[in-house]
Amino acid sequence: MVKTYMTENRLRLVGRAWEIRAVLRTIASNSNATLSQFLSANNAPAEDRTA
């Protein structure tokens, strides 16, 4: 199970390597944005949130 922590300018994924790759591929395929643009679009509060 992958744990995802997002802040305004940071994405932290915790899990097994193959799970993290799958999450990154999903993010990349659903959006043509850079990571910075993705994080701005999914603006999180100042503290970490778990998804």
PDB file of N, CA and C in Angstrom:
ATOM      1  N   MET A   1       0.847  -1.169   0.000  1.00  0.00           N
ATOM      2  CA  MET A   1       0.000   0.000   0.000  1.00  0.00           C
ATOM      3  C   MET A   1       0.897   1.238   0.000  1.00  0.00           C
ATOM      4  N   VAL A   2       0.630   2.133  -0.919  1.00  0.00           N
ATOM      5  CA  VAL A   2       1.427   3.354  -1.043  1.00  0.00           C
ATOM      6  C   VAL A   2       0.797   4.451  -0.197  1.00  0.00           C
ATOM      7  N   LYS A   3       1.636   5.134   0.556  1.00  0.00           N
ATOM      8  CA  LYS A   3       1.188   6.312   1.295  1.00  0.00           C
ATOM      9  C   LYS A   3       1.678   7.525   0.530  1.00  0.00           C
ATOM     10  N   THR A   4       0.797   8.501   0.342  1.00  0.00           N
ATOM     11  CA  THR A   4       1.119   9.691  -0.426  1.00  0.00           C
ATOM     12  C   THR A   4       0.978  10.910   0.460  1.00  0.00           C
ATOM     13  N   TYR A   5       2.034  11.691   0.542  1.00  0.00           N
ATOM     14  CA  TYR A   5       2.034  12.927   1.305  1.00  0.00           C
ATOM     15  C   TYR A   5       2.312  14.066   0.331  1.00  0.00           C
ATOM     16  N   MET A   6       1.391  15.031   0.240  1.00  0.00           N
ATOM     17  CA  MET A   6       1.565  16.149  -0.675  1.00  0.00           C
ATOM     18  C   MET A   6       1.514  17.454   0.084  1.00  0.00           C
ATOM     19  N   THR A   7       2.432  18.333  -0.259  1.00  0.00           N
ATOM     20  CA  THR A   7       2.391  19.709   0.211  1.00  0.00           C
ATOM     21  C   THR A   7       2.433  20.590  -1.029  1.00  0.00           C
ATOM     22  N   GLU A   8       2.516  21.881  -0.824  1.00  0.00           N
ATOM     23  CA  GLU A   8       2.477  22.818  -1.941  1.00  0.00           C
ATOM     24  C   GLU A   8       3.571  22.554  -2.969  1.00  0.00           C
ATOM     25  N   ASN A   9       4.747  22.165  -2.522  1.00  0.00           N
ATOM     26  CA  ASN A   9       5.852  21.971  -3.462  1.00  0.00           C
ATOM     27  C   ASN A   9       6.566  20.632  -3.294  1.00  0.00           C
ATOM     28  N   ARG A  10       5.907  19.662  -2.704  1.00  0.00           N
ATOM     29  CA  ARG A  10       6.567  18.386  -2.447  1.00  0.00           C
ATOM     30  C   ARG A  10       5.581  17.236  -2.554  1.00  0.00           C
ATOM     31  N   LEU A  11       6.050  16.143  -3.132  1.00  0.00           N
ATOM     32  CA  LEU A  11       5.291  14.900  -3.197  1.00  0.00           C
ATOM     33  C   LEU A  11       6.166  13.814  -2.607  1.00  0.00           C
ATOM     34  N   ARG A  12       5.663  13.134  -1.590  1.00  0.00           N
ATOM     35  CA  ARG A  12       6.406  12.037  -0.973  1.00  0.00           C
ATOM     36  C   ARG A  12       5.561  10.781  -1.092  1.00  0.00           C
ATOM     37  N   LEU A  13       6.139   9.745  -1.691  1.00  0.00           N
ATOM     38  CA  LEU A  13       5.474   8.457  -1.826  1.00  0.00           C
ATOM     39  C   LEU A  13       6.244   7.446  -0.997  1.00  0.00           C
ATOM     40  N   VAL A  14       5.524   6.678  -0.189  1.00  0.00           N
ATOM     41  CA  VAL A  14       6.138   5.668   0.672  1.00  0.00           C
ATOM     42  C   VAL A  14       5.478   4.338   0.348  1.00  0.00           C
ATOM     43  N   GLY A  15       6.290   3.387  -0.042  1.00  0.00           N
ATOM     44  CA  GLY A  15       5.763   2.068  -0.375  1.00  0.00           C
ATOM     45  C   GLY A  15       6.824   1.257  -1.097  1.00  0.00           C
ATOM     46  N   ARG A  16       6.394   0.189  -1.703  1.00  0.00           N
ATOM     47  CA  ARG A  16       7.316  -0.656  -2.461  1.00  0.00           C
ATOM     48  C   ARG A  16       7.597  -0.007  -3.811  1.00  0.00           C
ATOM     49  N   ALA A  17       8.761  -0.293  -4.362  1.00  0.00           N
ATOM     50  CA  ALA A  17       9.206   0.365  -5.596  1.00  0.00           C
ATOM     51  C   ALA A  17       8.201   0.199  -6.730  1.00  0.00           C
ATOM     52  N   TRP A  18       7.665  -0.998  -6.922  1.00  0.00           N
ATOM     53  CA  TRP A  18       6.742  -1.219  -8.030  1.00  0.00           C
ATOM     54  C   TRP A  18       5.431  -0.461  -7.818  1.00  0.00           C
ATOM     55  N   GLU A  19       5.025  -0.289  -6.554  1.00  0.00           N
ATOM     56  CA  GLU A  19       3.805   0.473  -6.260  1.00  0.00           C
ATOM     57  C   GLU A  19       4.016   1.953  -6.550  1.00  0.00           C
ATOM     58  N   ILE A  20       5.185   2.464  -6.185  1.00  0.00           N
ATOM     59  CA  ILE A  20       5.496   3.869  -6.424  1.00  0.00           C
ATOM     60  C   ILE A  20       5.560   4.146  -7.924  1.00  0.00           C
ATOM     61  N   ARG A  21       6.201   3.252  -8.686  1.00  0.00           N
ATOM     62  CA  ARG A  21       6.253   3.416 -10.140  1.00  0.00           C
ATOM     63  C   ARG A  21       4.862   3.433 -10.738  1.00  0.00           C
ATOM     64  N   ALA A  22       3.969   2.581 -10.237  1.00  0.00           N
ATOM     65  CA  ALA A  22       2.601   2.534 -10.748  1.00  0.00           C
ATOM     66  C   ALA A  22       1.864   3.842 -10.473  1.00  0.00           C
ATOM     67  N   VAL A  23       2.043   4.395  -9.280  1.00  0.00           N
ATOM     68  CA  VAL A  23       1.403   5.671  -8.938  1.00  0.00           C
ATOM     69  C   VAL A  23       1.940   6.781  -9.832  1.00  0.00           C
ATOM     70  N   LEU A  24       3.252   6.829 -10.027  1.00  0.00           N
ATOM     71  CA  LEU A  24       3.851   7.861 -10.880  1.00  0.00           C
ATOM     72  C   LEU A  24       3.378   7.733 -12.322  1.00  0.00           C
ATOM     73  N   ARG A  25       3.253   6.518 -12.805  1.00  0.00           N
ATOM     74  CA  ARG A  25       2.740   6.316 -14.173  1.00  0.00           C
ATOM     75  C   ARG A  25       1.295   6.778 -14.278  1.00  0.00           C
ATOM     76  N   THR A  26       0.491   6.513 -13.258  1.00  0.00           N
ATOM     77  CA  THR A  26      -0.902   6.952 -13.258  1.00  0.00           C
ATOM     78  C   THR A  26      -0.989   8.466 -13.278  1.00  0.00           C
ATOM     79  N   ILE A  27      -0.190   9.118 -12.461  1.00  0.00           N
ATOM     80  CA  ILE A  27      -0.174  10.587 -12.428  1.00  0.00           C
ATOM     81  C   ILE A  27       0.247  11.126 -13.792  1.00  0.00           C
ATOM     82  N   ALA A  28       1.294  10.541 -14.373  1.00  0.00           N
ATOM     83  CA  ALA A  28       1.805  11.013 -15.658  1.00  0.00           C
ATOM     84  C   ALA A  28       0.811  10.785 -16.786  1.00  0.00           C
ATOM     85  N   SER A  29       0.093   9.684 -16.762  1.00  0.00           N
ATOM     86  CA  SER A  29      -0.848   9.394 -17.849  1.00  0.00           C
ATOM     87  C   SER A  29      -2.130  10.217 -17.745  1.00  0.00           C
ATOM     88  N   ASN A  30      -2.500  10.623 -16.544  1.00  0.00           N
ATOM     89  CA  ASN A  30      -3.722  11.406 -16.354  1.00  0.00           C
ATOM     90  C   ASN A  30      -3.515  12.889 -16.567  1.00  0.00           C
ATOM     91  N   SER A  31      -2.267  13.317 -16.679  1.00  0.00           N
ATOM     92  CA  SER A  31      -1.996  14.734 -16.772  1.00  0.00           C
ATOM     93  C   SER A  31      -0.761  14.961 -17.629  1.00  0.00           C
ATOM     94  N   ASN A  32      -0.794  16.002 -18.437  1.00  0.00           N
ATOM     95  CA  ASN A  32       0.372  16.344 -19.253  1.00  0.00           C
ATOM     96  C   ASN A  32       1.191  17.428 -18.583  1.00  0.00           C
ATOM     97  N   ALA A  33       0.987  17.621 -17.303  1.00  0.00           N
ATOM     98  CA  ALA A  33       1.656  18.689 -16.557  1.00  0.00           C
ATOM     99  C   ALA A  33       2.960  18.191 -15.950  1.00  0.00           C
ATOM    100  N   THR A  34       3.818  19.131 -15.626  1.00  0.00           N
ATOM    101  CA  THR A  34       5.031  18.797 -14.874  1.00  0.00           C
ATOM    102  C   THR A  34       4.633  18.514 -13.431  1.00  0.00           C
ATOM    103  N   LEU A  35       5.560  17.990 -12.672  1.00  0.00           N
ATOM    104  CA  LEU A  35       5.277  17.706 -11.264  1.00  0.00           C
ATOM    105  C   LEU A  35       4.911  18.981 -10.516  1.00  0.00           C
ATOM    106  N   SER A  36       5.622  20.053 -10.799  1.00  0.00           N
ATOM    107  CA  SER A  36       5.331  21.340 -10.154  1.00  0.00           C
ATOM    108  C   SER A  36       3.906  21.801 -10.470  1.00  0.00           C
ATOM    109  N   GLN A  37       3.496  21.680 -11.722  1.00  0.00           N
ATOM    110  CA  GLN A  37       2.137  22.066 -12.111  1.00  0.00           C
ATOM    111  C   GLN A  37       1.109  21.149 -11.469  1.00  0.00           C
ATOM    112  N   PHE A  38       1.411  19.860 -11.391  1.00  0.00           N
ATOM    113  CA  PHE A  38       0.504  18.904 -10.756  1.00  0.00           C
ATOM    114  C   PHE A  38       0.287  19.245  -9.293  1.00  0.00           C
ATOM    115  N   LEU A  39       1.381  19.561  -8.583  1.00  0.00           N
ATOM    116  CA  LEU A  39       1.269  19.891  -7.161  1.00  0.00           C
ATOM    117  C   LEU A  39       0.507  21.196  -6.969  1.00  0.00           C
ATOM    118  N   SER A  40       0.707  22.166  -7.847  1.00  0.00           N
ATOM    119  CA  SER A  40      -0.022  23.431  -7.740  1.00  0.00           C
ATOM    120  C   SER A  40      -1.515  23.221  -7.971  1.00  0.00           C
ATOM    121  N   ALA A  41      -1.849  22.360  -8.921  1.00  0.00           N
ATOM    122  CA  ALA A  41      -3.255  22.089  -9.225  1.00  0.00           C
ATOM    123  C   ALA A  41      -3.934  21.342  -8.085  1.00  0.00           C
ATOM    124  N   ASN A  42      -3.180  20.509  -7.389  1.00  0.00           N
ATOM    125  CA  ASN A  42      -3.709  19.733  -6.261  1.00  0.00           C
ATOM    126  C   ASN A  42      -3.229  20.346  -4.961  1.00  0.00           C
ATOM    127  N   ASN A  43      -3.395  21.650  -4.857  1.00  0.00           N
ATOM    128  CA  ASN A  43      -2.860  22.409  -3.725  1.00  0.00           C
ATOM    129  C   ASN A  43      -3.325  21.813  -2.404  1.00  0.00           C
ATOM    130  N   ALA A  44      -2.357  21.495  -1.573  1.00  0.00           N
ATOM    131  CA  ALA A  44      -2.628  20.902  -0.263  1.00  0.00           C
ATOM    132  C   ALA A  44      -2.477  21.969   0.802  1.00  0.00           C
ATOM    133  N   PRO A  45      -3.061  21.759   1.965  1.00  0.00           N
ATOM    134  CA  PRO A  45      -2.822  22.680   3.075  1.00  0.00           C
ATOM    135  C   PRO A  45      -1.358  22.650   3.499  1.00  0.00           C
ATOM    136  N   ALA A  46      -0.966  23.535   4.357  1.00  0.00           N
ATOM    137  CA  ALA A  46       0.433  23.667   4.767  1.00  0.00           C
ATOM    138  C   ALA A  46       0.976  22.383   5.382  1.00  0.00           C
ATOM    139  N   GLU A  47       0.142  21.630   6.088  1.00  0.00           N
ATOM    140  CA  GLU A  47       0.615  20.386   6.682  1.00  0.00           C
ATOM    141  C   GLU A  47       0.396  19.239   5.705  1.00  0.00           C
ATOM    142  N   ASP A  48       1.113  18.146   5.894  1.00  0.00           N
ATOM    143  CA  ASP A  48       1.003  16.984   5.008  1.00  0.00           C
ATOM    144  C   ASP A  48      -0.392  16.393   5.099  1.00  0.00           C
ATOM    145  N   ARG A  49      -0.833  15.826   3.974  1.00  0.00           N
ATOM    146  CA  ARG A  49      -2.094  15.092   3.995  1.00  0.00           C
ATOM    147  C   ARG A  49      -1.846  13.721   3.400  1.00  0.00           C
ATOM    148  N   THR A  50      -2.547  12.747   3.873  1.00  0.00           N
ATOM    149  CA  THR A  50      -2.401  11.381   3.390  1.00  0.00           C
ATOM    150  C   THR A  50      -3.588  11.056   2.508  1.00  0.00           C
ATOM    151  N   ALA A  51      -3.277  10.516   1.341  1.00  0.00           N
ATOM    152  CA  ALA A  51      -4.343  10.158   0.409  1.00  0.00           C
ATOM    153  C   ALA A  51      -4.426   8.663   0.269  1.00  0.00           C
TER     154      ALA A  51
END
